[in-house]
């Protein structure tokens, strides 16, 4: 499978694992503890004791909307972790002497083929990385056109297209980041709707149902917004290392190759 197929398979597997993992935590830990706290408060209220609305962490995250938000957040973080690992691997190429040119040497178009051989001998997965592709494209363009400007434009074109590709591949993560607060708002609408449906009970003095429904409304929004802030932070960090990779790769090409080229 190629790189895109591997990434798609990884995303599907991670989504399935996230659903199973989060749901297991909710079934075994979160909801039993939340139900116990809510039941205890309800028993105190029924016994005429002072009723205290439970604000435990388990109560805040117990509803289905919060569970879905945690699944999506874990999914997005896993996708970004996968992409960050690839970027880290590509950055290691910046420390490798992919082209060995002594200071003061001038590279002519006839020399481009010889310089390309170390790049062509790299493993297939490394040849698909940005830096080897930019160097290989630049040397091939210089060999054909005998133009330093054309070789420079080739490097810039490869780096620009890679920057656009990396940005477009974040579209799924951006969608997840948008979906998380949207699901929180769905919980808000559901909770407010349930509270309005229990308004007659509140008018009779029983506000437990209305309070619980409003808790669903506000807790779901609170958790969703908090998770979206966390996910957005990591998105910006990932974009930062992606942009640095592109800029550093272009700088590598300029300092290690392009300045040594000389047209006949």
Protein backbone atom coordinates (compact mmCIF):
# COMPACT_ATOMS: atom_id res chain seq x y z
CA UNK A 1 0.00 0.00 0.00
CA UNK A 2 1.16 3.54 -0.72
CA UNK A 3 1.43 6.33 1.80
CA UNK A 4 -2.13 7.62 1.31
CA UNK A 5 -3.62 4.14 1.64
CA UNK A 6 -1.62 3.51 4.80
CA UNK A 7 -2.81 6.78 6.30
CA UNK A 8 -6.45 6.10 5.47
CA UNK A 9 -6.23 2.61 6.98
CA UNK A 10 -4.59 4.08 10.08
CA UNK A 11 -7.33 6.68 10.46
CA UNK A 12 -10.09 4.06 10.27
CA UNK A 13 -8.37 1.75 12.75
CA UNK A 14 -7.70 4.59 15.17
CA UNK A 15 -11.34 5.71 14.99
CA UNK A 16 -12.51 2.19 15.83
CA UNK A 17 -10.01 1.89 18.68
CA UNK A 18 -11.03 5.32 20.04
CA UNK A 19 -14.70 4.36 20.04
CA UNK A 20 -14.04 1.07 21.83
CA UNK A 21 -11.62 2.59 24.34
CA UNK A 22 -13.74 5.61 25.28
CA UNK A 23 -16.96 3.63 25.45
CA UNK A 24 -15.31 1.03 27.68
CA UNK A 25 -14.13 3.75 30.07
CA UNK A 26 -17.62 5.25 30.14
CA UNK A 27 -19.38 1.93 30.76
CA UNK A 28 -17.01 0.70 33.44
CA UNK A 29 -15.96 3.91 35.21
CA UNK A 30 -17.68 7.16 34.26
CA UNK A 31 -21.39 6.31 34.18
CA UNK A 32 -21.42 3.98 37.25
CA UNK A 33 -19.73 6.69 39.35
CA UNK A 34 -21.95 9.45 37.94
CA UNK A 35 -25.14 7.43 38.51
CA UNK A 36 -24.05 6.70 42.07
CA UNK A 37 -23.52 10.39 42.81
CA UNK A 38 -26.80 11.44 41.20
CA UNK A 39 -28.72 8.68 43.01
CA UNK A 40 -27.24 9.68 46.35
CA UNK A 41 -28.24 13.31 45.81
CA UNK A 42 -31.75 12.26 44.77
CA UNK A 43 -32.11 10.14 47.92
CA UNK A 44 -31.06 13.10 50.05
CA UNK A 45 -33.62 15.27 48.32
CA UNK A 46 -36.37 12.66 48.78
CA UNK A 47 -35.52 12.37 52.46
CA UNK A 48 -36.00 16.11 52.89
CA UNK A 49 -32.34 16.84 53.33
CA UNK A 50 -30.63 19.75 51.63
CA UNK A 51 -30.24 18.92 47.91
CA UNK A 52 -26.85 19.63 46.42
CA UNK A 53 -26.39 19.37 42.68
CA UNK A 54 -23.37 17.05 42.19
CA UNK A 55 -20.50 18.69 40.31
CA UNK A 56 -18.20 15.72 40.13
CA UNK A 57 -15.98 15.22 37.08
CA UNK A 58 -17.89 12.02 36.32
CA UNK A 59 -21.23 13.86 36.36
CA UNK A 60 -19.93 16.59 34.08
CA UNK A 61 -18.76 14.14 31.37
CA UNK A 62 -21.36 11.37 31.76
CA UNK A 63 -23.66 12.12 28.80
CA UNK A 64 -23.48 10.76 25.25
CA UNK A 65 -22.46 14.10 23.73
CA UNK A 66 -19.38 14.30 25.94
CA UNK A 67 -18.51 10.71 25.08
CA UNK A 68 -18.69 11.52 21.36
CA UNK A 69 -16.52 14.60 21.90
CA UNK A 70 -13.85 12.54 23.65
CA UNK A 71 -13.90 10.00 20.80
CA UNK A 72 -13.44 12.73 18.20
CA UNK A 73 -10.74 14.49 20.22
CA UNK A 74 -8.79 11.25 20.65
CA UNK A 75 -9.20 10.53 16.94
CA UNK A 76 -7.93 13.97 15.94
CA UNK A 77 -4.95 13.76 18.31
CA UNK A 78 -4.04 10.33 16.94
CA UNK A 79 -4.14 11.60 13.35
CA UNK A 80 -1.98 14.57 14.27
CA UNK A 81 0.44 12.28 16.10
CA UNK A 82 0.77 10.16 12.96
CA UNK A 83 1.49 13.23 10.82
CA UNK A 84 3.92 14.65 13.39
CA UNK A 85 5.87 11.37 13.36
CA UNK A 86 6.23 11.60 9.57
CA UNK A 87 7.40 15.22 9.83
CA UNK A 88 9.99 14.24 12.44
CA UNK A 89 11.30 11.53 10.11
CA UNK A 90 11.51 14.02 7.26
CA UNK A 91 13.35 16.54 9.43
CA UNK A 92 16.06 13.95 10.06
CA UNK A 93 16.87 14.17 6.35
CA UNK A 94 18.04 17.75 6.94
CA UNK A 95 20.97 16.38 8.95
CA UNK A 96 22.05 13.98 6.20
CA UNK A 97 24.65 14.86 3.54
CA UNK A 98 22.36 14.07 0.63
CA UNK A 99 24.58 16.07 -1.70
CA UNK A 100 28.29 16.35 -0.94
CA UNK A 101 29.76 19.46 -2.54
CA UNK A 102 33.00 21.01 -1.37
CA UNK A 103 33.17 24.73 -0.84
CA UNK A 104 34.30 26.54 -3.98
CA UNK A 105 33.14 23.76 -6.31
CA UNK A 106 31.04 24.69 -9.33
CA UNK A 107 28.44 22.23 -10.55
CA UNK A 108 27.84 22.09 -14.31
CA UNK A 109 24.77 20.52 -15.98
CA UNK A 110 26.81 17.44 -16.89
CA UNK A 111 27.56 16.86 -13.18
CA UNK A 112 23.89 16.78 -12.19
CA UNK A 113 23.44 13.11 -13.07
CA UNK A 114 26.29 12.06 -10.80
CA UNK A 115 24.92 14.08 -7.89
CA UNK A 116 21.52 12.45 -8.36
CA UNK A 117 22.80 8.90 -7.85
CA UNK A 118 22.93 9.06 -4.01
CA UNK A 119 19.36 10.37 -4.01
CA UNK A 120 18.21 7.59 -6.32
CA UNK A 121 19.83 4.97 -4.06
CA UNK A 122 17.76 6.02 -1.04
CA UNK A 123 15.00 3.67 0.15
CA UNK A 124 11.68 4.15 -1.65
CA UNK A 125 9.95 5.68 1.36
CA UNK A 126 12.74 8.23 1.86
CA UNK A 127 12.73 9.17 -1.82
CA UNK A 128 9.12 10.32 -1.36
CA UNK A 129 10.15 12.80 1.36
CA UNK A 130 10.20 16.50 0.56
CA UNK A 131 13.95 17.18 0.67
CA UNK A 132 15.10 14.34 -1.65
CA UNK A 133 12.29 15.19 -4.08
CA UNK A 134 13.25 18.85 -4.13
CA UNK A 135 16.93 18.07 -4.69
CA UNK A 136 16.20 15.46 -7.35
CA UNK A 137 13.78 17.73 -9.21
CA UNK A 138 16.23 20.63 -9.10
CA UNK A 139 19.11 18.53 -10.45
CA UNK A 140 16.94 17.04 -13.20
CA UNK A 141 15.72 20.50 -14.24
CA UNK A 142 19.26 21.88 -14.20
CA UNK A 143 20.54 18.98 -16.30
CA UNK A 144 17.86 19.51 -18.93
CA UNK A 145 17.70 23.31 -19.07
CA UNK A 146 21.24 24.31 -18.00
CA UNK A 147 19.56 27.14 -16.14
CA UNK A 148 20.21 27.98 -12.49
CA UNK A 149 17.02 30.02 -12.36
CA UNK A 150 15.01 27.06 -13.62
CA UNK A 151 16.55 24.80 -10.96
CA UNK A 152 15.73 27.36 -8.29
CA UNK A 153 12.14 27.62 -9.50
CA UNK A 154 11.89 23.82 -9.43
CA UNK A 155 12.85 23.75 -5.73
CA UNK A 156 10.37 26.51 -4.93
CA UNK A 157 7.61 24.76 -6.87
CA UNK A 158 8.15 21.44 -5.08
CA UNK A 159 8.22 23.11 -1.67
CA UNK A 160 5.13 25.18 -2.43
CA UNK A 161 3.15 22.18 -3.63
CA UNK A 162 4.22 20.22 -0.54
CA UNK A 163 3.10 23.07 1.68
CA UNK A 164 -0.30 23.06 -0.01
CA UNK A 165 -0.55 19.29 0.28
CA UNK A 166 0.27 19.28 3.98
CA UNK A 167 -2.28 22.00 4.57
CA UNK A 168 -5.01 20.19 2.63
CA UNK A 169 -4.37 16.94 4.52
CA UNK A 170 -5.38 18.72 7.72
CA UNK A 171 -8.92 19.18 6.41
CA UNK A 172 -10.20 16.12 8.31
CA UNK A 173 -8.66 17.35 11.56
CA UNK A 174 -10.20 20.78 11.02
CA UNK A 175 -13.57 19.16 10.42
CA UNK A 176 -13.25 17.20 13.66
CA UNK A 177 -12.34 20.40 15.49
CA UNK A 178 -15.50 22.00 14.11
CA UNK A 179 -17.60 18.93 14.91
CA UNK A 180 -16.62 18.76 18.60
CA UNK A 181 -18.27 22.06 19.69
CA UNK A 182 -21.17 21.32 17.32
CA UNK A 183 -21.88 18.08 19.18
CA UNK A 184 -21.65 20.06 22.42
CA UNK A 185 -24.30 22.44 21.16
CA UNK A 186 -26.48 19.46 20.25
CA UNK A 187 -26.27 18.43 23.89
CA UNK A 188 -27.22 21.96 24.88
CA UNK A 189 -30.31 21.90 22.69
CA UNK A 190 -31.25 18.44 23.96
CA UNK A 191 -30.82 19.47 27.58
CA UNK A 192 -32.80 22.70 27.23
CA UNK A 193 -35.54 20.87 25.34
CA UNK A 194 -35.77 18.28 28.12
CA UNK A 195 -35.84 21.04 30.75
CA UNK A 196 -38.73 22.79 28.98
CA UNK A 197 -40.60 19.50 28.84
CA UNK A 198 -40.33 19.25 32.62
CA UNK A 199 -41.40 22.82 33.30
CA UNK A 200 -44.72 21.66 34.82
CA UNK A 201 -42.81 19.66 37.45
CA UNK A 202 -40.77 22.74 38.35
CA UNK A 203 -43.99 24.74 38.76
CA UNK A 204 -45.13 22.14 41.26
CA UNK A 205 -41.92 22.56 43.24
CA UNK A 206 -39.91 19.61 41.91
CA UNK A 207 -36.90 21.13 40.16
CA UNK A 208 -34.73 18.00 40.17
CA UNK A 209 -35.62 17.05 36.58
CA UNK A 210 -35.14 20.58 35.25
CA UNK A 211 -31.82 20.88 37.06
CA UNK A 212 -30.56 17.59 35.64
CA UNK A 213 -31.60 18.56 32.10
CA UNK A 214 -29.93 21.96 32.36
CA UNK A 215 -26.85 20.16 33.65
CA UNK A 216 -26.77 18.14 30.42
CA UNK A 217 -27.07 21.36 28.41
CA UNK A 218 -24.26 23.26 30.06
CA UNK A 219 -21.93 20.34 30.77
CA UNK A 220 -21.93 19.20 27.15
CA UNK A 221 -21.03 22.68 25.90
CA UNK A 222 -18.37 23.10 28.57
CA UNK A 223 -16.63 19.81 27.76
CA UNK A 224 -16.89 20.33 23.99
CA UNK A 225 -15.40 23.82 24.08
CA UNK A 226 -12.62 22.70 26.40
CA UNK A 227 -11.68 19.79 24.13
CA UNK A 228 -11.81 21.96 21.01
CA UNK A 229 -9.35 24.38 22.63
CA UNK A 230 -6.94 21.50 23.31
CA UNK A 231 -7.26 20.09 19.79
CA UNK A 232 -6.82 23.53 18.21
CA UNK A 233 -3.60 24.04 20.17
CA UNK A 234 -2.12 20.84 18.75
CA UNK A 235 -3.32 21.71 15.23
CA UNK A 236 -1.38 24.96 15.36
CA UNK A 237 1.69 23.17 16.69
CA UNK A 238 1.49 20.64 13.85
CA UNK A 239 1.08 23.40 11.27
CA UNK A 240 4.11 25.13 12.75
CA UNK A 241 6.41 22.11 12.37
CA UNK A 242 5.07 21.46 8.87
CA UNK A 243 5.81 25.02 7.77
CA UNK A 244 9.26 24.84 9.35
CA UNK A 245 9.97 21.63 7.44
CA UNK A 246 9.11 23.28 4.12
CA UNK A 247 11.12 26.42 4.86
CA UNK A 248 14.12 24.50 6.16
CA UNK A 249 14.06 22.15 3.18
CA UNK A 250 14.07 25.05 0.75
CA UNK A 251 16.90 26.68 2.70
CA UNK A 252 18.83 23.38 2.60
CA UNK A 253 18.54 23.27 -1.18
CA UNK A 254 19.74 26.84 -1.50
CA UNK A 255 22.75 26.48 0.79
CA UNK A 256 23.81 22.92 -0.11
CA UNK A 257 23.09 22.86 -3.85
CA UNK A 258 21.73 25.87 -5.69
CA UNK A 259 24.56 28.27 -4.84
CA UNK A 260 27.06 25.85 -6.37
CA UNK A 261 25.29 25.55 -9.72
CA UNK A 262 26.82 27.24 -12.74
CA UNK A 263 25.34 27.31 -16.22
CA UNK A 264 27.73 26.70 -19.11
